[in-house]
């Protein structure tokens, strides 16, 4: 099986379909894994959900997914969900018709997928305490180290020691862009950050594990959104 990782989709279904075509995705021969933040902010969250079902994609929980889960759980309990931004309400309403299937799926999404050939997380891992010492909030939101409370500053992957024979695949950090860190040009990456800001007009990125290669398709969003 080919193993293919795709960065934060944020509702960009057209780019997702284009990327799947570009990498010649075939469900019978490919394993597809997503870095999280699949639905929010973008134009077609429900189409992304349909593509996840069609492809059998696996995913780790992103910070936007965690908030969406809270909103659906509140709705399920008869409470009024809280929306801090208009796009959150738009995403919620678009996905609500599929909530019976989507809610249990969201509840089952892990914070990490840790296997002998890779570690997949949404935001990153604690650069000192490693995977075992990473909190739920850090799996979802870590970016800078030491933490700065913003988007500026050294990243956690600038500090952490590489995991031996165990590349870390992550998303979340659109301001930081595509990250590919290699011990040398002849060796495969030990860290790959795939959030290349598709929703902000950048690109949608995939990492083909077996080929140690990044593939990108351009965004169709026009760079209109700037909501880091």
N, C-alpha and C. Protein backbone atom coordinates (compact mmCIF):
# COMPACT_ATOMS: atom_id res chain seq x y z
N UNK A 1 0.83 -1.20 0.00
CA UNK A 1 0.00 0.00 0.00
C UNK A 1 0.87 1.26 0.00
N UNK A 2 0.55 2.19 -0.89
CA UNK A 2 1.17 3.51 -0.82
C UNK A 2 0.56 4.27 0.35
N UNK A 3 1.39 5.05 1.03
CA UNK A 3 0.91 5.85 2.15
C UNK A 3 1.02 7.32 1.78
N UNK A 4 -0.13 8.01 1.80
CA UNK A 4 -0.21 9.40 1.35
C UNK A 4 -0.79 10.26 2.46
N UNK A 5 -0.07 11.31 2.82
CA UNK A 5 -0.55 12.28 3.81
C UNK A 5 -0.97 13.55 3.09
N UNK A 6 -2.06 14.16 3.57
CA UNK A 6 -2.53 15.42 2.99
C UNK A 6 -2.70 16.44 4.11
N UNK A 7 -2.25 17.67 3.85
CA UNK A 7 -2.31 18.73 4.84
C UNK A 7 -3.71 19.27 5.07
N UNK A 8 -3.80 20.27 5.93
CA UNK A 8 -5.07 20.84 6.38
C UNK A 8 -5.93 21.26 5.20
N UNK A 9 -7.13 20.68 5.11
CA UNK A 9 -8.01 20.92 3.97
C UNK A 9 -8.85 22.18 4.13
N UNK A 10 -9.36 22.41 5.32
CA UNK A 10 -10.19 23.59 5.60
C UNK A 10 -11.28 23.79 4.56
N UNK A 11 -11.96 22.70 4.21
CA UNK A 11 -13.10 22.82 3.33
C UNK A 11 -12.78 23.01 1.86
N UNK A 12 -11.53 22.87 1.49
CA UNK A 12 -11.11 23.08 0.08
C UNK A 12 -11.26 21.78 -0.70
N UNK A 13 -12.48 21.45 -1.05
CA UNK A 13 -12.77 20.16 -1.68
C UNK A 13 -12.22 20.09 -3.10
N UNK A 14 -12.31 21.16 -3.86
CA UNK A 14 -11.83 21.13 -5.24
C UNK A 14 -10.34 20.84 -5.29
N UNK A 15 -9.58 21.48 -4.41
CA UNK A 15 -8.14 21.23 -4.35
C UNK A 15 -7.85 19.80 -3.88
N UNK A 16 -8.66 19.31 -2.97
CA UNK A 16 -8.50 17.94 -2.47
C UNK A 16 -8.68 16.95 -3.63
N UNK A 17 -9.71 17.15 -4.41
CA UNK A 17 -9.94 16.27 -5.56
C UNK A 17 -8.80 16.37 -6.57
N UNK A 18 -8.33 17.59 -6.80
CA UNK A 18 -7.21 17.77 -7.74
C UNK A 18 -5.95 17.09 -7.25
N UNK A 19 -5.72 17.16 -5.94
CA UNK A 19 -4.53 16.53 -5.38
C UNK A 19 -4.62 15.01 -5.46
N UNK A 20 -5.79 14.47 -5.18
CA UNK A 20 -5.96 13.02 -5.27
C UNK A 20 -5.71 12.52 -6.69
N UNK A 21 -6.16 13.31 -7.66
CA UNK A 21 -5.90 12.94 -9.06
C UNK A 21 -4.42 13.05 -9.39
N UNK A 22 -3.77 14.09 -8.88
CA UNK A 22 -2.35 14.31 -9.16
C UNK A 22 -1.48 13.18 -8.63
N UNK A 23 -1.81 12.66 -7.46
CA UNK A 23 -1.01 11.58 -6.87
C UNK A 23 -1.52 10.20 -7.28
N UNK A 24 -2.49 10.17 -8.20
CA UNK A 24 -3.07 8.90 -8.68
C UNK A 24 -3.60 8.05 -7.53
N UNK A 25 -4.40 8.68 -6.68
CA UNK A 25 -4.96 7.95 -5.53
C UNK A 25 -5.91 6.86 -6.00
N UNK A 26 -5.74 5.68 -5.42
CA UNK A 26 -6.59 4.52 -5.66
C UNK A 26 -6.84 3.88 -4.31
N UNK A 27 -8.09 3.84 -3.90
CA UNK A 27 -8.40 3.34 -2.55
C UNK A 27 -7.93 1.91 -2.35
N UNK A 28 -7.87 1.14 -3.42
CA UNK A 28 -7.47 -0.27 -3.28
C UNK A 28 -5.97 -0.44 -3.06
N UNK A 29 -5.19 0.58 -3.39
CA UNK A 29 -3.73 0.45 -3.28
C UNK A 29 -3.09 1.56 -2.44
N UNK A 30 -3.90 2.49 -1.93
CA UNK A 30 -3.36 3.64 -1.21
C UNK A 30 -4.02 3.79 0.15
N UNK A 31 -3.22 4.17 1.11
CA UNK A 31 -3.72 4.55 2.43
C UNK A 31 -3.61 6.06 2.54
N UNK A 32 -4.73 6.72 2.85
CA UNK A 32 -4.79 8.18 2.88
C UNK A 32 -4.96 8.66 4.32
N UNK A 33 -4.08 9.57 4.74
CA UNK A 33 -4.13 10.12 6.09
C UNK A 33 -4.11 11.64 6.03
N UNK A 34 -4.94 12.28 6.88
CA UNK A 34 -5.09 13.72 6.89
C UNK A 34 -4.55 14.31 8.18
N UNK A 35 -3.99 15.52 8.09
CA UNK A 35 -3.39 16.17 9.27
C UNK A 35 -4.41 16.88 10.14
N UNK A 36 -5.69 16.85 9.79
CA UNK A 36 -6.72 17.49 10.61
C UNK A 36 -7.15 18.83 10.06
N UNK A 37 -8.12 19.47 10.76
CA UNK A 37 -8.73 20.71 10.29
C UNK A 37 -9.28 20.53 8.89
N UNK A 38 -10.18 19.57 8.77
CA UNK A 38 -10.67 19.18 7.45
C UNK A 38 -11.76 20.09 6.89
N UNK A 39 -12.59 20.68 7.76
CA UNK A 39 -13.85 21.25 7.29
C UNK A 39 -13.96 22.77 7.38
N UNK A 40 -13.41 23.36 8.40
CA UNK A 40 -13.71 24.75 8.73
C UNK A 40 -13.15 25.75 7.74
N UNK A 41 -13.79 26.91 7.67
CA UNK A 41 -13.34 28.10 6.94
C UNK A 41 -13.51 28.04 5.43
N UNK A 42 -13.48 26.87 4.85
CA UNK A 42 -13.49 26.78 3.40
C UNK A 42 -14.87 26.69 2.80
N UNK A 43 -14.96 26.63 1.48
CA UNK A 43 -16.24 26.74 0.77
C UNK A 43 -17.08 25.47 0.72
N UNK A 44 -16.45 24.28 0.89
CA UNK A 44 -17.21 23.04 0.67
C UNK A 44 -16.94 22.00 1.76
N UNK A 45 -17.31 22.30 3.00
CA UNK A 45 -17.05 21.32 4.07
C UNK A 45 -17.79 20.00 3.85
N UNK A 46 -19.01 20.06 3.33
CA UNK A 46 -19.74 18.80 3.17
C UNK A 46 -19.16 17.96 2.04
N UNK A 47 -18.66 18.59 1.00
CA UNK A 47 -18.01 17.84 -0.07
C UNK A 47 -16.74 17.17 0.45
N UNK A 48 -16.02 17.86 1.33
CA UNK A 48 -14.84 17.24 1.96
C UNK A 48 -15.26 16.00 2.73
N UNK A 49 -16.36 16.08 3.47
CA UNK A 49 -16.86 14.92 4.21
C UNK A 49 -17.18 13.77 3.25
N UNK A 50 -17.80 14.06 2.14
CA UNK A 50 -18.10 13.02 1.15
C UNK A 50 -16.82 12.38 0.62
N UNK A 51 -15.80 13.19 0.38
CA UNK A 51 -14.54 12.66 -0.13
C UNK A 51 -13.83 11.81 0.93
N UNK A 52 -13.94 12.20 2.18
CA UNK A 52 -13.36 11.38 3.25
C UNK A 52 -14.02 10.00 3.26
N UNK A 53 -15.33 9.97 3.13
CA UNK A 53 -16.03 8.69 3.10
C UNK A 53 -15.65 7.89 1.85
N UNK A 54 -15.56 8.56 0.71
CA UNK A 54 -15.24 7.87 -0.54
C UNK A 54 -13.84 7.27 -0.52
N UNK A 55 -12.90 7.98 0.09
CA UNK A 55 -11.50 7.54 0.07
C UNK A 55 -11.12 6.65 1.25
N UNK A 56 -11.97 6.63 2.29
CA UNK A 56 -11.61 5.90 3.49
C UNK A 56 -10.47 6.56 4.26
N UNK A 57 -10.36 7.87 4.14
CA UNK A 57 -9.25 8.59 4.76
C UNK A 57 -9.29 8.47 6.28
N UNK A 58 -8.11 8.37 6.87
CA UNK A 58 -7.93 8.44 8.31
C UNK A 58 -7.48 9.86 8.66
N UNK A 59 -7.67 10.26 9.91
CA UNK A 59 -7.33 11.63 10.28
C UNK A 59 -6.98 11.72 11.75
N UNK A 60 -6.12 12.68 12.08
CA UNK A 60 -5.91 13.06 13.48
C UNK A 60 -6.72 14.32 13.75
N UNK A 61 -7.07 14.52 15.01
CA UNK A 61 -7.93 15.64 15.39
C UNK A 61 -7.15 16.95 15.34
N UNK A 62 -7.73 17.94 14.67
CA UNK A 62 -7.17 19.29 14.66
C UNK A 62 -7.92 20.19 15.62
N UNK A 63 -7.39 21.37 15.87
CA UNK A 63 -8.05 22.28 16.80
C UNK A 63 -9.41 22.74 16.28
N UNK A 64 -9.53 22.93 14.98
CA UNK A 64 -10.83 23.29 14.42
C UNK A 64 -11.82 22.12 14.49
N UNK A 65 -11.33 20.92 14.30
CA UNK A 65 -12.18 19.73 14.43
C UNK A 65 -12.67 19.57 15.87
N UNK A 66 -11.79 19.86 16.83
CA UNK A 66 -12.16 19.75 18.25
C UNK A 66 -13.28 20.73 18.59
N UNK A 67 -13.18 21.94 18.04
CA UNK A 67 -14.23 22.94 18.29
C UNK A 67 -15.53 22.52 17.61
N UNK A 68 -15.43 22.00 16.38
CA UNK A 68 -16.63 21.53 15.69
C UNK A 68 -17.29 20.39 16.46
N UNK A 69 -16.48 19.51 17.01
CA UNK A 69 -17.01 18.42 17.83
C UNK A 69 -17.77 18.96 19.03
N UNK A 70 -17.22 19.95 19.70
CA UNK A 70 -17.91 20.55 20.84
C UNK A 70 -19.25 21.16 20.42
N UNK A 71 -19.28 21.79 19.27
CA UNK A 71 -20.51 22.41 18.79
C UNK A 71 -21.57 21.36 18.47
N UNK A 72 -21.17 20.27 17.86
CA UNK A 72 -22.13 19.21 17.55
C UNK A 72 -22.58 18.49 18.82
N UNK A 73 -21.69 18.31 19.78
CA UNK A 73 -22.08 17.69 21.05
C UNK A 73 -23.09 18.56 21.80
N UNK A 74 -22.86 19.87 21.80
CA UNK A 74 -23.81 20.78 22.44
C UNK A 74 -25.18 20.68 21.77
N UNK A 75 -25.18 20.67 20.44
CA UNK A 75 -26.43 20.56 19.69
C UNK A 75 -27.13 19.24 19.99
N UNK A 76 -26.33 18.17 20.11
CA UNK A 76 -26.88 16.85 20.39
C UNK A 76 -27.52 16.78 21.77
N UNK A 77 -27.01 17.60 22.68
CA UNK A 77 -27.54 17.63 24.05
C UNK A 77 -28.65 18.65 24.23
N UNK A 78 -29.10 19.25 23.13
CA UNK A 78 -30.18 20.21 23.19
C UNK A 78 -29.77 21.60 23.59
N UNK A 79 -28.48 21.88 23.57
CA UNK A 79 -27.97 23.20 23.91
C UNK A 79 -27.67 24.00 22.64
N UNK A 80 -27.46 25.29 22.82
CA UNK A 80 -27.13 26.14 21.68
C UNK A 80 -25.62 26.19 21.49
N UNK A 81 -25.11 25.75 20.36
CA UNK A 81 -23.66 25.81 20.13
C UNK A 81 -23.16 27.25 20.12
N UNK A 82 -21.91 27.42 20.50
CA UNK A 82 -21.27 28.73 20.50
C UNK A 82 -20.41 28.88 19.26
N UNK A 83 -20.58 29.99 18.55
CA UNK A 83 -19.81 30.27 17.35
C UNK A 83 -19.09 31.60 17.53
N UNK A 84 -17.76 31.56 17.49
CA UNK A 84 -16.98 32.78 17.69
C UNK A 84 -16.78 33.57 16.41
N UNK A 85 -16.90 32.88 15.26
CA UNK A 85 -16.73 33.54 13.98
C UNK A 85 -17.80 33.06 13.02
N UNK A 86 -18.19 33.90 12.05
CA UNK A 86 -19.27 33.52 11.13
C UNK A 86 -18.99 32.23 10.37
N UNK A 87 -17.72 31.99 10.03
CA UNK A 87 -17.42 30.78 9.24
C UNK A 87 -17.71 29.51 10.02
N UNK A 88 -17.64 29.58 11.35
CA UNK A 88 -17.93 28.40 12.16
C UNK A 88 -19.39 28.01 12.03
N UNK A 89 -20.27 28.98 12.02
CA UNK A 89 -21.70 28.72 11.85
C UNK A 89 -21.98 28.16 10.46
N UNK A 90 -21.32 28.72 9.45
CA UNK A 90 -21.51 28.25 8.07
C UNK A 90 -21.09 26.79 7.95
N UNK A 91 -19.94 26.45 8.53
CA UNK A 91 -19.45 25.07 8.50
C UNK A 91 -20.39 24.13 9.23
N UNK A 92 -20.84 24.54 10.41
CA UNK A 92 -21.77 23.74 11.21
C UNK A 92 -23.05 23.45 10.42
N UNK A 93 -23.64 24.49 9.85
CA UNK A 93 -24.90 24.32 9.11
C UNK A 93 -24.72 23.42 7.89
N UNK A 94 -23.56 23.53 7.23
CA UNK A 94 -23.31 22.72 6.04
C UNK A 94 -23.20 21.24 6.37
N UNK A 95 -22.64 20.94 7.54
CA UNK A 95 -22.41 19.55 7.92
C UNK A 95 -23.55 18.95 8.74
N UNK A 96 -24.45 19.78 9.23
CA UNK A 96 -25.52 19.30 10.11
C UNK A 96 -26.36 18.18 9.49
N UNK A 97 -26.65 18.19 8.18
CA UNK A 97 -27.44 17.09 7.63
C UNK A 97 -26.77 15.72 7.77
N UNK A 98 -25.45 15.71 7.96
CA UNK A 98 -24.73 14.44 8.09
C UNK A 98 -24.27 14.17 9.52
N UNK A 99 -24.88 14.86 10.47
CA UNK A 99 -24.37 14.79 11.85
C UNK A 99 -24.47 13.39 12.44
N UNK A 100 -25.46 12.60 12.04
CA UNK A 100 -25.61 11.26 12.62
C UNK A 100 -24.40 10.39 12.34
N UNK A 101 -23.79 10.56 11.19
CA UNK A 101 -22.58 9.81 10.87
C UNK A 101 -21.32 10.57 11.27
N UNK A 102 -21.37 11.88 11.14
CA UNK A 102 -20.18 12.69 11.39
C UNK A 102 -19.82 12.78 12.86
N UNK A 103 -20.80 12.91 13.73
CA UNK A 103 -20.51 13.07 15.16
C UNK A 103 -19.75 11.88 15.75
N UNK A 104 -20.21 10.64 15.55
CA UNK A 104 -19.41 9.52 16.08
C UNK A 104 -18.04 9.40 15.43
N UNK A 105 -17.94 9.80 14.16
CA UNK A 105 -16.63 9.79 13.49
C UNK A 105 -15.69 10.77 14.15
N UNK A 106 -16.17 11.99 14.41
CA UNK A 106 -15.34 12.99 15.08
C UNK A 106 -14.92 12.54 16.47
N UNK A 107 -15.84 11.91 17.20
CA UNK A 107 -15.54 11.44 18.55
C UNK A 107 -14.43 10.39 18.55
N UNK A 108 -14.33 9.64 17.48
CA UNK A 108 -13.37 8.54 17.41
C UNK A 108 -12.00 8.95 16.88
N UNK A 109 -11.87 10.19 16.39
CA UNK A 109 -10.59 10.61 15.81
C UNK A 109 -9.52 10.71 16.89
N UNK A 110 -8.34 10.13 16.67
CA UNK A 110 -7.28 10.19 17.68
C UNK A 110 -6.49 11.49 17.59
N UNK A 111 -5.74 11.77 18.66
CA UNK A 111 -4.82 12.91 18.66
C UNK A 111 -3.56 12.60 17.89
N UNK A 112 -3.22 11.33 17.79
CA UNK A 112 -2.00 10.93 17.07
C UNK A 112 -2.21 9.56 16.45
N UNK A 113 -1.49 9.30 15.39
CA UNK A 113 -1.38 7.96 14.83
C UNK A 113 0.10 7.65 14.83
N UNK A 114 0.51 6.76 15.70
CA UNK A 114 1.92 6.48 15.95
C UNK A 114 2.21 5.05 15.51
N UNK A 115 2.94 4.92 14.42
CA UNK A 115 3.26 3.60 13.86
C UNK A 115 4.77 3.49 13.63
N UNK A 116 5.29 2.30 13.38
CA UNK A 116 6.74 2.17 13.20
C UNK A 116 7.32 3.02 12.09
N UNK A 117 6.53 3.33 11.07
CA UNK A 117 7.07 4.06 9.92
C UNK A 117 6.79 5.56 9.95
N UNK A 118 5.95 6.04 10.88
CA UNK A 118 5.66 7.46 10.95
C UNK A 118 4.91 7.80 12.23
N UNK A 119 4.93 9.08 12.57
CA UNK A 119 4.09 9.65 13.62
C UNK A 119 3.30 10.79 12.99
N UNK A 120 1.97 10.70 13.04
CA UNK A 120 1.11 11.74 12.50
C UNK A 120 0.41 12.46 13.64
N UNK A 121 0.55 13.79 13.67
CA UNK A 121 -0.14 14.63 14.65
C UNK A 121 -0.66 15.86 13.91
N UNK A 122 -1.52 16.62 14.58
CA UNK A 122 -2.02 17.83 13.93
C UNK A 122 -1.02 18.98 14.01
N UNK A 123 -0.69 19.40 15.24
CA UNK A 123 0.14 20.59 15.41
C UNK A 123 1.60 20.25 15.66
N UNK A 124 1.87 19.24 16.48
CA UNK A 124 3.24 18.89 16.81
C UNK A 124 3.32 18.15 18.12
N UNK A 125 4.52 18.02 18.63
CA UNK A 125 4.75 17.34 19.91
C UNK A 125 5.65 18.21 20.78
N UNK A 126 5.61 17.95 22.06
CA UNK A 126 6.43 18.70 23.00
C UNK A 126 7.90 18.44 22.69
N UNK A 127 8.68 19.48 22.43
CA UNK A 127 10.05 19.27 21.97
C UNK A 127 11.02 18.77 23.03
N UNK A 128 10.60 18.84 24.29
CA UNK A 128 11.44 18.36 25.38
C UNK A 128 10.92 17.04 25.94
N UNK A 129 9.62 16.98 26.21
CA UNK A 129 9.00 15.79 26.81
C UNK A 129 8.57 14.75 25.79
N UNK A 130 8.73 15.04 24.51
CA UNK A 130 8.44 14.13 23.41
C UNK A 130 6.96 13.73 23.38
N UNK A 131 6.67 12.65 22.68
CA UNK A 131 5.28 12.25 22.44
C UNK A 131 4.56 11.95 23.74
N UNK A 132 5.22 11.20 24.62
CA UNK A 132 4.60 10.77 25.86
C UNK A 132 4.24 11.94 26.76
N UNK A 133 4.97 13.02 26.66
CA UNK A 133 4.73 14.18 27.52
C UNK A 133 3.94 15.29 26.86
N UNK A 134 3.38 15.02 25.71
CA UNK A 134 2.61 16.03 24.99
C UNK A 134 1.17 16.04 25.47
N UNK A 135 0.68 17.21 25.83
CA UNK A 135 -0.70 17.33 26.30
C UNK A 135 -1.67 17.38 25.13
N UNK A 136 -2.94 17.22 25.42
CA UNK A 136 -3.97 17.31 24.37
C UNK A 136 -3.92 18.67 23.69
N UNK A 137 -3.80 19.73 24.47
CA UNK A 137 -3.76 21.07 23.89
C UNK A 137 -2.54 21.24 22.99
N UNK A 138 -1.42 20.66 23.38
CA UNK A 138 -0.21 20.76 22.55
C UNK A 138 -0.35 19.98 21.25
N UNK A 139 -0.93 18.79 21.31
CA UNK A 139 -1.19 18.05 20.07
C UNK A 139 -2.03 18.89 19.10
N UNK A 140 -2.94 19.70 19.65
CA UNK A 140 -3.87 20.47 18.83
C UNK A 140 -3.33 21.82 18.39
N UNK A 141 -2.46 22.45 19.20
CA UNK A 141 -2.17 23.86 18.93
C UNK A 141 -0.71 24.27 19.01
N UNK A 142 0.20 23.39 19.43
CA UNK A 142 1.59 23.84 19.61
C UNK A 142 2.13 24.39 18.29
N UNK A 143 2.88 25.47 18.41
CA UNK A 143 3.49 26.07 17.22
C UNK A 143 4.90 26.56 17.55
N UNK A 144 5.00 27.55 18.42
CA UNK A 144 6.31 28.11 18.76
C UNK A 144 6.88 27.45 20.02
N UNK A 145 8.20 27.50 20.13
CA UNK A 145 8.87 27.02 21.34
C UNK A 145 10.13 27.85 21.60
N UNK A 146 10.20 28.44 22.82
CA UNK A 146 9.18 28.47 23.86
C UNK A 146 7.89 29.15 23.36
N UNK A 147 6.76 28.82 23.98
CA UNK A 147 5.49 29.39 23.53
C UNK A 147 5.51 30.91 23.59
N UNK A 148 5.07 31.55 22.52
CA UNK A 148 5.02 33.00 22.46
C UNK A 148 3.60 33.55 22.54
N UNK A 149 2.61 32.66 22.41
CA UNK A 149 1.22 33.11 22.40
C UNK A 149 0.78 33.69 21.07
N UNK A 150 1.62 33.60 20.07
CA UNK A 150 1.28 34.12 18.75
C UNK A 150 1.88 33.26 17.66
N UNK A 151 2.01 33.83 16.45
CA UNK A 151 2.51 33.06 15.32
C UNK A 151 3.97 33.33 15.03
N UNK A 152 4.57 34.26 15.75
CA UNK A 152 5.98 34.58 15.53
C UNK A 152 6.86 33.84 16.52
N UNK A 153 8.03 33.43 16.07
CA UNK A 153 9.00 32.80 16.96
C UNK A 153 9.47 31.46 16.45
N UNK A 154 10.53 30.92 17.07
CA UNK A 154 11.03 29.59 16.68
C UNK A 154 9.96 28.52 16.85
N UNK A 155 9.95 27.58 15.95
CA UNK A 155 8.97 26.50 15.98
C UNK A 155 9.47 25.34 16.86
N UNK A 156 8.51 24.53 17.32
CA UNK A 156 8.84 23.36 18.13
C UNK A 156 9.78 22.44 17.37
N UNK A 157 9.64 22.33 16.04
CA UNK A 157 10.50 21.42 15.26
C UNK A 157 11.88 22.01 15.01
N UNK A 158 12.09 23.27 15.43
CA UNK A 158 13.44 23.83 15.41
C UNK A 158 14.24 23.38 16.63
N UNK A 159 13.54 22.84 17.62
CA UNK A 159 14.15 22.52 18.91
C UNK A 159 14.25 21.01 19.15
N UNK A 160 13.24 20.27 18.70
CA UNK A 160 13.15 18.85 19.02
C UNK A 160 14.24 18.05 18.33
N UNK A 161 14.69 16.99 18.99
CA UNK A 161 15.61 16.04 18.35
C UNK A 161 14.80 15.11 17.46
N UNK A 162 15.30 14.80 16.27
CA UNK A 162 14.57 13.89 15.38
C UNK A 162 14.32 12.54 16.04
N UNK A 163 13.15 11.97 15.76
CA UNK A 163 12.84 10.61 16.21
C UNK A 163 13.54 9.64 15.27
N UNK A 164 14.23 8.69 15.79
CA UNK A 164 15.01 7.75 14.97
C UNK A 164 14.08 6.94 14.06
N UNK A 165 14.34 7.00 12.74
CA UNK A 165 13.59 6.21 11.75
C UNK A 165 12.08 6.37 11.89
N UNK A 166 11.65 7.56 12.22
CA UNK A 166 10.26 7.76 12.59
C UNK A 166 9.85 9.19 12.24
N UNK A 167 9.60 9.49 10.98
CA UNK A 167 9.30 10.87 10.60
C UNK A 167 8.03 11.39 11.27
N UNK A 168 8.05 12.65 11.64
CA UNK A 168 6.89 13.32 12.21
C UNK A 168 6.18 14.08 11.09
N UNK A 169 4.92 13.76 10.87
CA UNK A 169 4.10 14.44 9.87
C UNK A 169 3.08 15.29 10.63
N UNK A 170 2.95 16.56 10.25
CA UNK A 170 2.05 17.45 10.99
C UNK A 170 1.47 18.50 10.05
N UNK A 171 0.53 19.28 10.58
CA UNK A 171 -0.09 20.37 9.84
C UNK A 171 -0.14 21.63 10.70
N UNK A 172 -1.29 22.29 10.71
CA UNK A 172 -1.62 23.37 11.65
C UNK A 172 -0.96 24.71 11.37
N UNK A 173 0.29 24.74 10.96
CA UNK A 173 1.07 25.97 10.97
C UNK A 173 1.12 26.63 9.59
N UNK A 174 -0.02 27.14 9.13
CA UNK A 174 -0.04 27.83 7.84
C UNK A 174 0.92 29.01 7.79
N UNK A 175 1.06 29.79 8.86
CA UNK A 175 2.03 30.90 8.80
C UNK A 175 3.46 30.42 8.56
N UNK A 176 3.78 29.23 9.05
CA UNK A 176 5.12 28.68 8.86
C UNK A 176 5.32 28.03 7.50
N UNK A 177 4.21 27.69 6.83
CA UNK A 177 4.30 27.12 5.49
C UNK A 177 4.80 25.69 5.47
N UNK A 178 5.08 25.23 4.27
CA UNK A 178 5.58 23.87 4.07
C UNK A 178 6.92 23.68 4.79
N UNK A 179 7.03 22.57 5.51
CA UNK A 179 8.26 22.24 6.24
C UNK A 179 8.75 20.87 5.78
N UNK A 180 9.99 20.79 5.34
CA UNK A 180 10.62 19.51 5.02
C UNK A 180 12.03 19.55 5.60
N UNK A 181 12.26 18.77 6.64
CA UNK A 181 13.56 18.77 7.31
C UNK A 181 14.22 17.41 7.10
N UNK A 182 15.43 17.44 6.55
CA UNK A 182 16.18 16.23 6.25
C UNK A 182 17.54 16.27 6.95
N UNK A 183 18.03 15.10 7.37
CA UNK A 183 19.40 15.06 7.90
C UNK A 183 20.42 15.45 6.84
N UNK A 184 20.12 15.06 5.59
CA UNK A 184 20.95 15.44 4.44
C UNK A 184 20.08 15.31 3.20
N UNK A 185 20.57 15.82 2.08
CA UNK A 185 19.79 15.76 0.85
C UNK A 185 19.57 14.33 0.37
N UNK A 186 20.42 13.42 0.79
CA UNK A 186 20.32 12.03 0.35
C UNK A 186 19.38 11.20 1.23
N UNK A 187 18.93 11.75 2.36
CA UNK A 187 18.11 11.00 3.29
C UNK A 187 16.68 11.50 3.31
N UNK A 188 15.73 10.64 3.67
CA UNK A 188 14.33 11.07 3.74
C UNK A 188 14.11 12.05 4.89
N UNK A 189 13.04 12.83 4.84
CA UNK A 189 12.78 13.81 5.90
C UNK A 189 12.50 13.14 7.25
N UNK A 190 12.87 13.85 8.31
CA UNK A 190 12.48 13.42 9.65
C UNK A 190 11.31 14.25 10.18
N UNK A 191 10.99 15.35 9.50
CA UNK A 191 9.82 16.17 9.85
C UNK A 191 9.24 16.76 8.58
N UNK A 192 7.91 16.65 8.45
CA UNK A 192 7.22 17.20 7.28
C UNK A 192 5.98 17.93 7.77
N UNK A 193 5.94 19.24 7.54
CA UNK A 193 4.77 20.05 7.87
C UNK A 193 3.99 20.38 6.62
N UNK A 194 2.73 19.97 6.57
CA UNK A 194 1.97 20.01 5.32
C UNK A 194 0.91 21.10 5.24
N UNK A 195 0.82 21.98 6.24
CA UNK A 195 -0.15 23.07 6.10
C UNK A 195 0.50 24.21 5.32
N UNK A 196 0.27 24.22 4.04
CA UNK A 196 0.83 25.24 3.17
C UNK A 196 -0.20 26.30 2.79
N UNK A 197 -1.22 26.46 3.66
CA UNK A 197 -2.15 27.57 3.55
C UNK A 197 -3.07 27.55 2.36
N UNK A 198 -3.63 26.39 2.03
CA UNK A 198 -4.52 26.32 0.87
C UNK A 198 -5.68 27.30 1.02
N UNK A 199 -6.29 27.35 2.19
CA UNK A 199 -7.45 28.21 2.39
C UNK A 199 -7.10 29.69 2.27
N UNK A 200 -5.80 30.01 2.43
CA UNK A 200 -5.36 31.40 2.37
C UNK A 200 -4.76 31.76 1.01
N UNK A 201 -4.92 30.89 0.03
CA UNK A 201 -4.40 31.18 -1.30
C UNK A 201 -3.05 30.57 -1.59
N UNK A 202 -2.58 29.68 -0.71
CA UNK A 202 -1.28 29.05 -0.92
C UNK A 202 -1.37 27.82 -1.80
N UNK A 203 -1.21 26.64 -1.18
CA UNK A 203 -1.29 25.38 -1.92
C UNK A 203 -1.79 24.30 -0.98
N UNK A 204 -2.28 23.21 -1.56
CA UNK A 204 -2.59 22.02 -0.80
C UNK A 204 -1.47 21.02 -1.03
N UNK A 205 -0.92 20.49 0.06
CA UNK A 205 0.28 19.66 -0.03
C UNK A 205 0.00 18.23 0.41
N UNK A 206 0.68 17.31 -0.25
CA UNK A 206 0.67 15.90 0.12
C UNK A 206 2.10 15.42 0.28
N UNK A 207 2.28 14.42 1.14
CA UNK A 207 3.58 13.79 1.29
C UNK A 207 3.42 12.31 1.00
N UNK A 208 4.18 11.82 0.02
CA UNK A 208 4.15 10.41 -0.34
C UNK A 208 5.26 9.71 0.43
N UNK A 209 4.88 8.97 1.45
CA UNK A 209 5.85 8.40 2.38
C UNK A 209 6.82 7.46 1.68
N UNK A 210 6.33 6.61 0.81
CA UNK A 210 7.17 5.59 0.19
C UNK A 210 8.17 6.18 -0.79
N UNK A 211 7.85 7.35 -1.31
CA UNK A 211 8.75 8.02 -2.25
C UNK A 211 9.51 9.17 -1.59
N UNK A 212 9.17 9.47 -0.32
CA UNK A 212 9.76 10.61 0.39
C UNK A 212 9.68 11.88 -0.45
N UNK A 213 8.47 12.15 -0.96
CA UNK A 213 8.29 13.24 -1.92
C UNK A 213 7.04 14.05 -1.59
N UNK A 214 7.14 15.37 -1.74
CA UNK A 214 6.02 16.28 -1.56
C UNK A 214 5.40 16.61 -2.91
N UNK A 215 4.07 16.61 -2.95
CA UNK A 215 3.33 17.00 -4.15
C UNK A 215 2.36 18.10 -3.75
N UNK A 216 2.22 19.13 -4.58
CA UNK A 216 1.33 20.24 -4.28
C UNK A 216 0.43 20.57 -5.46
N UNK A 217 -0.76 21.09 -5.14
CA UNK A 217 -1.62 21.70 -6.15
C UNK A 217 -1.94 23.11 -5.66
N UNK A 218 -2.10 24.07 -6.58
CA UNK A 218 -2.36 25.44 -6.16
C UNK A 218 -3.75 25.62 -5.57
N UNK A 219 -3.85 26.57 -4.67
CA UNK A 219 -5.15 26.95 -4.10
C UNK A 219 -6.03 27.59 -5.16
N UNK A 220 -7.33 27.41 -4.98
CA UNK A 220 -8.32 28.08 -5.82
C UNK A 220 -9.08 29.15 -5.03
N UNK A 221 -8.52 29.54 -3.87
CA UNK A 221 -9.25 30.41 -2.96
C UNK A 221 -8.94 31.90 -3.13
N UNK A 222 -7.93 32.23 -3.91
CA UNK A 222 -7.69 33.63 -4.21
C UNK A 222 -7.04 34.43 -3.10
N UNK A 223 -6.67 33.78 -2.02
CA UNK A 223 -5.97 34.48 -0.94
C UNK A 223 -6.82 35.48 -0.20
N UNK A 224 -8.14 35.32 -0.22
CA UNK A 224 -9.03 36.31 0.40
C UNK A 224 -9.08 36.20 1.92
N UNK A 225 -8.81 35.02 2.46
CA UNK A 225 -8.96 34.81 3.89
C UNK A 225 -7.62 34.94 4.58
N UNK A 226 -7.60 35.71 5.67
CA UNK A 226 -6.38 35.86 6.46
C UNK A 226 -6.76 35.80 7.94
N UNK A 227 -7.06 34.59 8.39
CA UNK A 227 -7.55 34.41 9.75
C UNK A 227 -6.62 33.52 10.56
N UNK A 228 -5.36 33.76 10.56
CA UNK A 228 -4.46 32.95 11.37
C UNK A 228 -4.85 33.06 12.83
